[in-house]
């Protein structure tokens, strides 16, 4: 969504990062580039003016002029101002003191309200709540049926006493006079809340009707539902790809319904994303959630600071960690840690578990884009074929359980069988086994403290750090006479250490002259004989 804006801002900041001092002309040029980047991203003009004014005032002050690194200080200012535009703080659902908590959805037709209702219900269910969906969109053809399908995917019940518009007819009657009646959405909403209380659901999500354009009928109907239900939250669902029209639509809904929060849908699209940067600032209402796909799990809490970091290509590690914690099983993670520390072999069964957890986290491309600096590799990431993981999984699942735990037993005939079973070539099976063997060696080396192979300055790499010298035991001489003398000297030395008890023996004194054991010159370094006075 923000790739174009991110590229423009990254290029702008690269011009000032290396400068030890920024002049007023440098700051003006930077702000001009930022203004153009925001306008190209369809950010509303009033928002752009206020944003650049705040940056200019702070950048021309002592905050930058006295900084050790002025370029980084400007980036910090832009980041903070961007967080402010996006809402400043993270806010989620405010639950009622006595259940059920009523959440009403409003927005234009096509913004994704019905799909979002299922995603929100699934998210609340994961948080330990018992949500119920209420179908109050009785005018859009088959909207009730769609909500039932979405509710089934999310695993939550749907209250739909009226079937609504099933034939795909317009709301206007056949004679052009009056309106077709598909049921009263206000009555359905009231009955839905009563049903939720009876069945002890603590959250009610009301899906209301939308239109292709803002009209008085929609606003009147939505306002009436709000007045009757008195919901704790009214969420305005807006398509993040509608550009400049986002501001006008948001203001109209704020006047007609007065929503409490915003939900951005289709953030995985390729539009310029100006809606996300405009709505919160213009309406004064926080962006609470965002939707990034079609699945019920493609839904997340909107964090202004994390989104600002993504736009400025500084990554979003916290969201990545949260996704990993939800996807990875704690017991499996502890078992993997134990195997790693014990230097046990990483098997293909372990690989399947890790691959399954990664799939639960969502798209690999979206995860990689959360890493700092990865926006500069957006072209390479877009060309990444995630189906390659499916092919690898097919190869592994074509192996027998014994082969997965003991890949070394897979000979030529077995490789041909695996290739045939997974629909790939034998060379692809060979490549996978070879890479897997290298990964096993690397993990064992890391577990033993060898570090990553090939990393400069790391143990186990080409340039090894200083290691304590190993004291080699001196081999026995091949000369029988010399070997006998060595053995005699060693025996006398041992007897001296073992002789009991005098005070001198505690300090190594033995039966030799002066309390010192007899020394064998052959045991001394070459050239040391001259110091013995013999």
Protein backbone atom coordinates (compact mmCIF):
# COMPACT_ATOMS: atom_id res chain seq x y z
CA UNK A 1 0.00 0.00 0.00
CA UNK A 2 2.67 2.53 1.01
CA UNK A 3 5.55 1.26 -1.14
CA UNK A 4 5.59 4.29 -3.46
CA UNK A 5 5.42 6.79 -0.58
CA UNK A 6 8.07 4.86 1.33
CA UNK A 7 10.44 4.84 -1.66
CA UNK A 8 10.03 8.60 -2.12
CA UNK A 9 10.66 9.40 1.54
CA UNK A 10 13.64 7.02 1.75
CA UNK A 11 15.24 8.70 -1.26
CA UNK A 12 14.61 12.13 0.29
CA UNK A 13 16.25 11.23 3.60
CA UNK A 14 19.27 9.66 1.89
CA UNK A 15 20.24 13.15 0.68
CA UNK A 16 20.58 14.56 4.20
CA UNK A 17 21.70 11.61 6.32
CA UNK A 18 25.41 12.06 5.64
CA UNK A 19 25.56 15.81 6.27
CA UNK A 20 27.13 17.08 9.46
CA UNK A 21 25.20 20.36 9.26
CA UNK A 22 21.91 21.23 7.60
CA UNK A 23 21.28 24.65 6.12
CA UNK A 24 17.88 26.26 5.77
CA UNK A 25 17.93 25.50 2.05
CA UNK A 26 18.57 21.79 2.81
CA UNK A 27 15.56 21.69 5.11
CA UNK A 28 13.36 23.55 2.62
CA UNK A 29 14.33 21.12 -0.16
CA UNK A 30 13.58 18.14 2.11
CA UNK A 31 10.18 19.51 3.11
CA UNK A 32 9.35 20.23 -0.53
CA UNK A 33 10.14 16.62 -1.46
CA UNK A 34 8.02 15.35 1.45
CA UNK A 35 5.10 17.55 0.35
CA UNK A 36 5.26 16.21 -3.20
CA UNK A 37 5.48 12.61 -1.97
CA UNK A 38 2.38 13.05 0.22
CA UNK A 39 0.36 14.73 -2.53
CA UNK A 40 1.27 11.97 -4.96
CA UNK A 41 0.01 9.48 -2.35
CA UNK A 42 -3.43 11.18 -2.41
CA UNK A 43 -3.12 12.62 1.09
CA UNK A 44 -5.63 15.44 1.63
CA UNK A 45 -4.19 18.92 1.05
CA UNK A 46 -5.11 20.31 4.52
CA UNK A 47 -3.34 17.36 6.13
CA UNK A 48 -0.23 17.89 3.97
CA UNK A 49 -0.09 21.59 4.88
CA UNK A 50 -0.36 20.94 8.60
CA UNK A 51 2.13 18.09 8.45
CA UNK A 52 4.83 20.03 6.59
CA UNK A 53 4.29 23.13 8.76
CA UNK A 54 4.96 21.10 11.91
CA UNK A 55 8.13 19.61 10.41
CA UNK A 56 9.41 23.03 9.28
CA UNK A 57 8.92 24.63 12.70
CA UNK A 58 10.76 21.86 14.49
CA UNK A 59 13.48 21.35 11.86
CA UNK A 60 14.48 25.03 11.82
CA UNK A 61 14.72 25.17 15.61
CA UNK A 62 17.43 24.21 18.06
CA UNK A 63 16.21 20.61 18.02
CA UNK A 64 18.09 20.03 14.74
CA UNK A 65 20.79 22.72 14.73
CA UNK A 66 22.30 21.46 18.01
CA UNK A 67 21.95 17.78 17.19
CA UNK A 68 25.04 15.62 16.71
CA UNK A 69 23.47 14.06 13.63
CA UNK A 70 21.02 16.56 12.08
CA UNK A 71 19.92 14.21 9.29
CA UNK A 72 18.78 11.53 11.71
CA UNK A 73 17.09 14.19 13.83
CA UNK A 74 14.98 15.29 10.84
CA UNK A 75 13.96 11.67 10.22
CA UNK A 76 12.98 11.42 13.90
CA UNK A 77 10.83 14.55 13.59
CA UNK A 78 9.10 13.25 10.47
CA UNK A 79 8.42 9.93 12.21
CA UNK A 80 6.87 11.65 15.23
CA UNK A 81 4.70 13.94 13.07
CA UNK A 82 3.59 10.94 11.00
CA UNK A 83 2.55 9.09 14.17
CA UNK A 84 0.52 12.15 15.17
CA UNK A 85 -1.27 12.25 11.81
CA UNK A 86 -2.16 8.55 12.09
CA UNK A 87 -3.84 9.07 15.45
CA UNK A 88 -1.02 9.21 17.97
CA UNK A 89 -2.04 6.31 20.19
CA UNK A 90 -3.33 2.78 19.72
CA UNK A 91 -6.98 2.30 20.69
CA UNK A 92 -9.07 -0.86 20.64
CA UNK A 93 -12.64 -1.77 21.60
CA UNK A 94 -14.11 -0.15 24.71
CA UNK A 95 -16.28 -2.84 26.25
CA UNK A 96 -19.52 -2.21 28.13
CA UNK A 97 -19.51 -2.52 31.90
CA UNK A 98 -22.42 -4.93 31.63
CA UNK A 99 -22.54 -7.13 28.49
CA UNK A 100 -23.33 -7.32 25.72
CA UNK A 101 -21.00 -4.80 24.09
CA UNK A 102 -22.67 -3.53 20.90
CA UNK A 103 -20.48 -2.73 17.88
CA UNK A 104 -22.14 -1.19 14.83
CA UNK A 105 -20.48 -1.17 11.40
CA UNK A 106 -21.17 1.60 8.86
CA UNK A 107 -19.70 2.55 5.51
CA UNK A 108 -20.10 2.57 1.75
CA UNK A 109 -21.11 -0.49 -0.21
CA UNK A 110 -18.04 -2.35 -1.41
CA UNK A 111 -15.83 -1.17 1.45
CA UNK A 112 -15.81 -4.68 2.92
CA UNK A 113 -18.13 -4.31 5.94
CA UNK A 114 -19.58 -7.82 5.81
CA UNK A 115 -16.19 -9.50 5.44
CA UNK A 116 -14.81 -7.28 8.18
CA UNK A 117 -17.66 -8.29 10.50
CA UNK A 118 -16.42 -11.88 10.33
CA UNK A 119 -12.80 -10.85 10.86
CA UNK A 120 -13.66 -8.71 13.87
CA UNK A 121 -15.76 -11.55 15.32
CA UNK A 122 -12.88 -14.01 14.84
CA UNK A 123 -10.42 -11.60 16.49
CA UNK A 124 -12.76 -11.10 19.48
CA UNK A 125 -13.23 -14.86 19.73
CA UNK A 126 -9.43 -15.29 19.88
CA UNK A 127 -9.41 -12.74 22.72
CA UNK A 128 -11.77 -14.95 24.75
CA UNK A 129 -15.09 -13.26 23.93
CA UNK A 130 -18.29 -14.83 22.60
CA UNK A 131 -19.43 -12.57 19.73
CA UNK A 132 -22.60 -12.87 17.67
CA UNK A 133 -23.26 -11.31 14.24
CA UNK A 134 -26.55 -9.61 13.42
CA UNK A 135 -27.58 -9.27 9.75
CA UNK A 136 -29.15 -5.82 9.32
CA UNK A 137 -28.15 -5.33 5.67
CA UNK A 138 -31.44 -6.38 4.13
CA UNK A 139 -31.19 -4.38 0.90
CA UNK A 140 -28.02 -5.54 -0.84
CA UNK A 141 -28.67 -8.76 -2.78
CA UNK A 142 -27.69 -11.86 -0.76
CA UNK A 143 -25.95 -9.79 1.93
CA UNK A 144 -27.51 -11.97 4.65
CA UNK A 145 -26.28 -15.14 2.97
CA UNK A 146 -22.78 -13.67 2.67
CA UNK A 147 -22.73 -12.79 6.37
CA UNK A 148 -23.77 -16.36 7.22
CA UNK A 149 -20.89 -17.74 5.14
CA UNK A 150 -18.44 -15.34 6.78
CA UNK A 151 -19.78 -16.23 10.23
CA UNK A 152 -19.34 -19.93 9.51
CA UNK A 153 -15.70 -19.35 8.51
CA UNK A 154 -15.09 -17.37 11.68
CA UNK A 155 -16.87 -19.96 13.81
CA UNK A 156 -19.42 -17.51 15.29
CA UNK A 157 -23.25 -17.60 15.19
CA UNK A 158 -25.27 -15.25 12.96
CA UNK A 159 -28.71 -13.89 13.88
CA UNK A 160 -30.65 -13.49 10.61
CA UNK A 161 -34.45 -13.66 11.08
CA UNK A 162 -35.03 -11.84 7.76
CA UNK A 163 -33.57 -13.11 4.48
CA UNK A 164 -33.48 -9.63 2.93
CA UNK A 165 -33.07 -9.08 -0.80
CA UNK A 166 -32.65 -12.57 -2.24
CA UNK A 167 -33.73 -11.89 -5.83
CA UNK A 168 -31.26 -9.15 -6.68
CA UNK A 169 -33.99 -6.55 -7.30
CA UNK A 170 -33.55 -2.84 -6.68
CA UNK A 171 -35.01 -1.31 -3.58
CA UNK A 172 -37.47 0.75 -5.69
CA UNK A 173 -40.75 -1.01 -6.53
CA UNK A 174 -41.59 -2.41 -9.95
CA UNK A 175 -44.07 0.40 -10.66
CA UNK A 176 -41.53 3.08 -9.84
CA UNK A 177 -43.63 4.17 -6.88
CA UNK A 178 -42.73 3.33 -3.31
CA UNK A 179 -40.11 0.90 -2.04
CA UNK A 180 -39.81 -2.86 -1.81
CA UNK A 181 -39.82 -4.10 1.78
CA UNK A 182 -37.30 -6.78 2.73
CA UNK A 183 -37.73 -6.37 6.47
CA UNK A 184 -37.05 -3.66 9.03
CA UNK A 185 -33.31 -3.46 9.87
CA UNK A 186 -34.00 -1.45 13.04
CA UNK A 187 -36.29 -4.18 14.37
CA UNK A 188 -33.77 -6.88 13.42
CA UNK A 189 -31.05 -5.00 15.31
CA UNK A 190 -33.20 -4.78 18.46
CA UNK A 191 -34.16 -8.46 18.27
CA UNK A 192 -30.50 -9.36 17.73
CA UNK A 193 -29.43 -7.70 20.97
CA UNK A 194 -32.27 -9.44 22.84
CA UNK A 195 -31.17 -12.78 21.37
CA UNK A 196 -27.56 -12.13 22.41
CA UNK A 197 -28.66 -11.45 25.99
CA UNK A 198 -30.77 -14.62 26.01
CA UNK A 199 -27.91 -16.75 24.64
CA UNK A 200 -25.33 -14.99 26.84
CA UNK A 201 -23.10 -13.54 24.11
CA UNK A 202 -20.94 -10.72 25.43
CA UNK A 203 -20.41 -8.92 22.07
CA UNK A 204 -22.92 -8.08 19.32
CA UNK A 205 -21.64 -6.99 15.89
CA UNK A 206 -24.31 -5.32 13.75
CA UNK A 207 -23.72 -5.32 9.99
CA UNK A 208 -25.67 -2.44 8.41
CA UNK A 209 -26.51 -1.63 4.80
CA UNK A 210 -24.23 0.36 2.50
CA UNK A 211 -24.68 2.30 -0.73
CA UNK A 212 -22.65 3.06 -3.83
CA UNK A 213 -22.70 6.72 -2.81
CA UNK A 214 -23.49 8.70 0.30
CA UNK A 215 -27.26 9.34 0.45
CA UNK A 216 -29.83 10.58 2.93
CA UNK A 217 -31.69 7.26 3.20
CA UNK A 218 -28.58 5.41 4.32
CA UNK A 219 -27.71 8.04 6.90
CA UNK A 220 -31.25 8.13 8.27
CA UNK A 221 -31.37 4.35 8.60
CA UNK A 222 -27.93 4.13 10.23
CA UNK A 223 -28.71 7.00 12.59
CA UNK A 224 -31.95 5.32 13.64
CA UNK A 225 -30.17 2.04 14.39
CA UNK A 226 -27.61 3.92 16.46
CA UNK A 227 -30.26 5.80 18.37
CA UNK A 228 -32.14 2.62 19.23
CA UNK A 229 -29.14 0.44 20.13
CA UNK A 230 -26.87 3.04 21.78
CA UNK A 231 -23.76 1.04 20.78
CA UNK A 232 -20.45 1.30 22.62
CA UNK A 233 -18.58 1.51 19.29
CA UNK A 234 -19.61 2.70 15.81
CA UNK A 235 -16.87 1.71 13.37
CA UNK A 236 -16.62 3.47 10.04
CA UNK A 237 -15.31 0.95 7.49
CA UNK A 238 -13.48 2.64 4.62
CA UNK A 239 -11.66 1.30 1.58
CA UNK A 240 -8.04 2.47 1.82
CA UNK A 241 -7.82 2.66 -1.99
CA UNK A 242 -10.44 5.36 -2.63
CA UNK A 243 -7.91 8.19 -2.42
CA UNK A 244 -9.07 11.81 -2.07
CA UNK A 245 -12.74 10.77 -1.78
CA UNK A 246 -11.94 9.29 1.64
CA UNK A 247 -12.06 12.66 3.36
CA UNK A 248 -15.42 13.70 1.91
CA UNK A 249 -16.98 10.31 2.68
CA UNK A 250 -15.61 10.24 6.22
CA UNK A 251 -16.91 13.73 7.02
CA UNK A 252 -20.36 12.83 5.65
CA UNK A 253 -20.57 9.71 7.83
CA UNK A 254 -19.28 11.61 10.83
CA UNK A 255 -22.06 14.16 10.42
CA UNK A 256 -24.77 11.58 9.78
CA UNK A 257 -23.80 8.74 12.15
CA UNK A 258 -20.96 10.13 14.31
CA UNK A 259 -18.66 7.11 14.40
CA UNK A 260 -16.20 6.43 17.21
CA UNK A 261 -13.42 4.76 15.22
CA UNK A 262 -12.17 3.91 11.73
CA UNK A 263 -11.30 0.57 10.15
CA UNK A 264 -9.14 0.56 7.01
CA UNK A 265 -9.72 -2.29 4.57
CA UNK A 266 -7.71 -3.49 1.56
CA UNK A 267 -4.37 -2.30 2.93
CA UNK A 268 -2.81 -5.08 0.88
CA UNK A 269 -3.77 -3.29 -2.33
CA UNK A 270 -1.42 -1.36 -4.61
CA UNK A 271 -3.11 2.05 -4.33
CA UNK A 272 -1.29 5.05 -2.94
CA UNK A 273 -2.81 4.94 0.55
CA UNK A 274 -3.73 8.59 1.11
CA UNK A 275 -6.92 7.60 2.95
CA UNK A 276 -4.97 6.15 5.85
CA UNK A 277 -3.00 9.36 6.27
CA UNK A 278 -6.03 11.66 5.97
CA UNK A 279 -9.06 10.20 7.76
CA UNK A 280 -7.77 10.20 11.34
CA UNK A 281 -6.48 13.78 11.15
CA UNK A 282 -9.55 15.23 9.39
CA UNK A 283 -12.21 13.53 11.53
CA UNK A 284 -10.37 13.41 14.84
CA UNK A 285 -11.38 9.76 15.21
CA UNK A 286 -8.72 7.07 15.70
CA UNK A 287 -7.93 4.32 13.21
CA UNK A 288 -8.56 1.23 15.32
CA UNK A 289 -8.13 -1.76 12.99
CA UNK A 290 -6.83 -2.63 9.54
CA UNK A 291 -7.63 -5.44 7.13
CA UNK A 292 -4.97 -6.85 4.83
CA UNK A 293 -6.58 -9.74 2.94
CA UNK A 294 -9.60 -11.98 2.39
CA UNK A 295 -9.02 -14.54 5.16
CA UNK A 296 -10.61 -14.18 8.59
CA UNK A 297 -7.12 -13.93 10.12
CA UNK A 298 -6.03 -11.04 7.87
CA UNK A 299 -6.94 -8.49 10.51
CA UNK A 300 -4.86 -6.57 13.03
CA UNK A 301 -4.99 -3.74 15.53
CA UNK A 302 -3.79 -0.49 13.99
CA UNK A 303 -0.69 0.91 15.74
CA UNK A 304 0.15 4.44 14.50
CA UNK A 305 3.80 4.21 15.59
CA UNK A 306 4.32 0.86 13.85
CA UNK A 307 2.60 2.04 10.66
CA UNK A 308 4.81 5.15 10.62
CA UNK A 309 7.87 2.91 10.95
CA UNK A 310 6.69 0.83 7.99
CA UNK A 311 6.17 3.92 5.84
CA UNK A 312 9.66 5.21 6.69
CA UNK A 313 11.14 1.73 5.98
CA UNK A 314 12.19 1.23 9.60
CA UNK A 315 10.35 -2.08 9.89
CA UNK A 316 7.72 -3.39 12.26
CA UNK A 317 9.46 -5.98 14.41
CA UNK A 318 6.90 -5.85 17.24
CA UNK A 319 4.03 -6.93 14.98
CA UNK A 320 6.23 -9.67 13.53
CA UNK A 321 6.99 -10.96 17.04
CA UNK A 322 3.30 -10.90 18.00
CA UNK A 323 2.39 -12.89 14.89
CA UNK A 324 5.12 -15.43 15.66
CA UNK A 325 3.91 -15.84 19.26
CA UNK A 326 0.39 -16.58 18.02
CA UNK A 327 1.55 -19.00 15.31
CA UNK A 328 4.24 -21.03 17.08
CA UNK A 329 3.22 -23.63 19.65
CA UNK A 330 5.03 -23.07 22.96
CA UNK A 331 5.69 -26.78 23.59
CA UNK A 332 7.04 -27.26 20.06
CA UNK A 333 9.27 -24.20 20.48
CA UNK A 334 10.66 -25.55 23.76
CA UNK A 335 11.30 -28.95 22.18
CA UNK A 336 13.12 -27.30 19.25
CA UNK A 337 15.21 -25.29 21.71
CA UNK A 338 16.14 -28.45 23.61
CA UNK A 339 17.14 -30.26 20.41
CA UNK A 340 19.21 -27.30 19.30
CA UNK A 341 21.10 -27.04 22.60
CA UNK A 342 21.64 -30.80 22.66
CA UNK A 343 23.01 -30.65 19.09
CA UNK A 344 20.46 -33.22 17.94
CA UNK A 345 19.66 -33.57 14.25
CA UNK A 346 17.04 -31.21 12.82
CA UNK A 347 14.70 -33.57 10.94
CA UNK A 348 12.20 -33.11 8.13
CA UNK A 349 9.39 -33.61 10.66
CA UNK A 350 10.73 -30.58 12.54
CA UNK A 351 10.87 -28.74 9.23
CA UNK A 352 7.17 -29.48 8.55
CA UNK A 353 6.22 -28.11 11.97
CA UNK A 354 8.16 -24.89 11.35
CA UNK A 355 6.70 -24.54 7.86
CA UNK A 356 3.17 -24.97 9.20
CA UNK A 357 3.75 -22.26 11.81
CA UNK A 358 5.12 -19.86 9.19
CA UNK A 359 2.01 -20.41 7.06
CA UNK A 360 -0.15 -19.52 10.06
CA UNK A 361 1.62 -16.17 10.30
CA UNK A 362 0.33 -15.20 6.85
CA UNK A 363 2.02 -14.14 3.65
CA UNK A 364 5.79 -14.50 3.66
CA UNK A 365 6.11 -11.35 1.55
CA UNK A 366 4.23 -9.26 4.09
CA UNK A 367 6.37 -10.67 6.91
CA UNK A 368 9.62 -9.90 5.11
CA UNK A 369 8.44 -6.34 4.42
CA UNK A 370 8.19 -5.82 8.18
CA UNK A 371 11.97 -6.14 8.43
CA UNK A 372 13.92 -2.86 8.52
CA UNK A 373 15.26 -1.77 5.13
CA UNK A 374 13.34 -4.40 3.17
CA UNK A 375 11.25 -1.79 1.36
CA UNK A 376 14.30 -1.14 -0.84
CA UNK A 377 14.02 -4.76 -1.99
CA UNK A 378 10.30 -4.54 -2.76
CA UNK A 379 10.84 -5.56 -6.40
CA UNK A 380 12.67 -8.74 -5.38
CA UNK A 381 10.04 -9.52 -2.74
CA UNK A 382 7.21 -9.06 -5.23
CA UNK A 383 8.88 -11.56 -7.56
CA UNK A 384 9.11 -14.14 -4.74
CA UNK A 385 7.08 -17.22 -5.61
CA UNK A 386 5.54 -18.49 -2.38
CA UNK A 387 4.36 -21.63 -4.20
CA UNK A 388 7.95 -22.89 -3.89
CA UNK A 389 7.15 -23.71 -0.26
CA UNK A 390 4.24 -25.86 -1.41
CA UNK A 391 6.56 -27.79 -3.73
CA UNK A 392 9.06 -28.33 -0.93
CA UNK A 393 6.29 -29.49 1.40
CA UNK A 394 5.06 -31.91 -1.28
CA UNK A 395 8.56 -33.43 -1.52
CA UNK A 396 8.82 -33.88 2.26
CA UNK A 397 5.34 -35.37 2.57
CA UNK A 398 6.21 -37.90 -0.16
CA UNK A 399 8.84 -39.35 2.19
CA UNK A 400 8.06 -42.11 4.66
CA UNK A 401 8.10 -41.22 8.41
CA UNK A 402 11.40 -43.09 8.77
CA UNK A 403 12.95 -41.18 5.84
CA UNK A 404 11.96 -37.84 7.37
CA UNK A 405 13.82 -38.69 10.57
CA UNK A 406 16.76 -40.35 8.76
CA UNK A 407 17.29 -38.52 5.44
CA UNK A 408 20.71 -40.17 4.97
CA UNK A 409 19.03 -43.49 4.11
CA UNK A 410 17.36 -41.97 1.04
CA UNK A 411 19.24 -43.60 -1.84
CA UNK A 412 18.82 -43.21 -5.59
CA UNK A 413 15.74 -45.41 -5.98
CA UNK A 414 14.01 -43.77 -3.04
CA UNK A 415 14.76 -40.32 -4.46
CA UNK A 416 13.17 -41.32 -7.75
CA UNK A 417 10.07 -42.56 -5.87
CA UNK A 418 9.84 -39.30 -3.87
CA UNK A 419 10.20 -37.23 -7.04
CA UNK A 420 7.44 -39.18 -8.74
CA UNK A 421 5.15 -38.90 -5.72
CA UNK A 422 5.58 -35.13 -5.39
CA UNK A 423 5.50 -34.28 -9.10
CA UNK A 424 9.03 -32.86 -9.28
CA UNK A 425 12.31 -33.92 -10.83
CA UNK A 426 14.95 -36.04 -9.10
CA UNK A 427 17.39 -33.11 -9.28
CA UNK A 428 15.00 -30.99 -7.18
CA UNK A 429 14.86 -33.75 -4.57
CA UNK A 430 18.68 -33.94 -4.61
CA UNK A 431 18.96 -30.16 -4.15
CA UNK A 432 16.57 -30.19 -1.19
CA UNK A 433 18.44 -33.03 0.53
CA UNK A 434 21.77 -31.29 -0.07
CA UNK A 435 20.54 -27.97 1.34
CA UNK A 436 18.95 -29.76 4.29
CA UNK A 437 22.22 -31.54 5.07
CA UNK A 438 24.07 -28.21 5.05
CA UNK A 439 21.43 -26.72 7.37
CA UNK A 440 21.87 -29.61 9.80
CA UNK A 441 25.64 -29.08 9.91
CA UNK A 442 25.23 -25.35 10.42
CA UNK A 443 22.77 -25.80 13.31
CA UNK A 444 25.09 -28.30 15.01
CA UNK A 445 28.02 -25.93 14.61
CA UNK A 446 26.02 -23.06 16.10
CA UNK A 447 24.85 -25.24 19.00
CA UNK A 448 28.47 -26.08 19.83
CA UNK A 449 29.41 -22.40 19.88
CA UNK A 450 31.01 -22.42 16.47
CA UNK A 451 28.94 -19.50 15.23
CA UNK A 452 27.68 -18.90 11.73
CA UNK A 453 30.10 -20.21 9.10
CA UNK A 454 31.59 -17.55 6.88
CA UNK A 455 30.89 -14.62 9.22
CA UNK A 456 34.05 -12.51 9.67
CA UNK A 457 35.31 -12.25 13.20
CA UNK A 458 32.98 -15.02 14.39
CA UNK A 459 34.16 -18.32 15.86
CA UNK A 460 33.99 -21.03 13.27
CA UNK A 461 34.55 -18.64 10.37
CA UNK A 462 37.57 -18.25 8.13
CA UNK A 463 39.16 -15.73 10.52
CA UNK A 464 39.26 -17.50 13.84
CA UNK A 465 39.61 -15.60 17.06
CA UNK A 466 42.42 -16.28 19.49
CA UNK A 467 42.12 -19.69 21.00
CA UNK A 468 44.09 -20.91 24.04
CA UNK A 469 47.04 -23.00 23.00
CA UNK A 470 46.63 -26.70 23.55
CA UNK A 471 49.49 -28.20 25.57
CA UNK A 472 50.65 -31.20 23.66
CA UNK A 473 51.94 -34.19 25.54
CA UNK A 474 55.55 -34.94 24.74
CA UNK A 475 55.90 -38.27 22.98
CA UNK A 476 58.26 -40.93 24.25
CA UNK A 477 61.70 -41.03 22.71
CA UNK A 478 62.55 -43.78 20.27
CA UNK A 479 66.04 -44.19 21.84
CA UNK A 480 65.81 -46.98 24.47
CA UNK A 481 68.46 -45.44 26.72
CA UNK A 482 66.93 -41.97 26.52
CA UNK A 483 63.43 -43.35 27.08
CA UNK A 484 64.66 -45.20 30.20
CA UNK A 485 66.15 -41.97 31.53
CA UNK A 486 62.90 -40.12 30.88
CA UNK A 487 60.85 -42.79 32.66
CA UNK A 488 63.22 -42.73 35.64
CA UNK A 489 62.98 -38.95 35.88
CA UNK A 490 59.20 -39.08 35.68
CA UNK A 491 59.07 -41.74 38.42
CA UNK A 492 61.30 -39.66 40.70
CA UNK A 493 59.16 -36.59 39.98
CA UNK A 494 56.00 -38.48 40.87
CA UNK A 495 57.59 -39.87 44.03
CA UNK A 496 58.55 -36.33 45.05
CA UNK A 497 54.95 -35.13 44.66
CA UNK A 498 53.61 -38.15 46.48
CA UNK A 499 56.08 -38.18 49.40
CA UNK A 500 54.20 -37.37 52.44
CA UNK A 501 54.14 -34.54 54.37
CA UNK A 502 56.92 -32.17 54.97
CA UNK A 503 56.24 -28.52 54.69
CA UNK A 504 58.60 -28.34 51.77
CA UNK A 505 56.67 -30.91 49.78
CA UNK A 506 53.65 -28.69 49.74
CA UNK A 507 55.63 -26.24 47.61
CA UNK A 508 57.04 -28.88 45.30
CA UNK A 509 60.25 -29.49 47.24
CA UNK A 510 61.52 -32.99 46.78
CA UNK A 511 64.54 -35.16 47.34
CA UNK A 512 66.77 -33.21 44.97
CA UNK A 513 69.51 -30.75 45.93
CA UNK A 514 68.20 -27.66 47.59
CA UNK A 515 64.82 -29.25 47.98
CA UNK A 516 64.26 -29.26 44.19
CA UNK A 517 63.76 -32.41 42.11
CA UNK A 518 66.48 -33.53 39.73
CA UNK A 519 65.95 -32.06 36.26
CA UNK A 520 66.37 -34.03 33.04
CA UNK A 521 68.05 -31.75 30.46
CA UNK A 522 66.21 -33.60 27.70
CA UNK A 523 62.94 -32.18 29.06
CA UNK A 524 64.14 -28.58 28.70
CA UNK A 525 63.94 -26.36 25.60
CA UNK A 526 66.84 -26.48 23.17
CA UNK A 527 69.73 -24.21 24.19
CA UNK A 528 68.65 -24.04 27.84
CA UNK A 529 71.53 -26.28 29.03
CA UNK A 530 73.94 -23.36 29.37
CA UNK A 531 71.87 -21.93 32.23
CA UNK A 532 72.27 -25.09 34.30
CA UNK A 533 75.98 -24.63 34.77
CA UNK A 534 76.78 -28.18 33.69
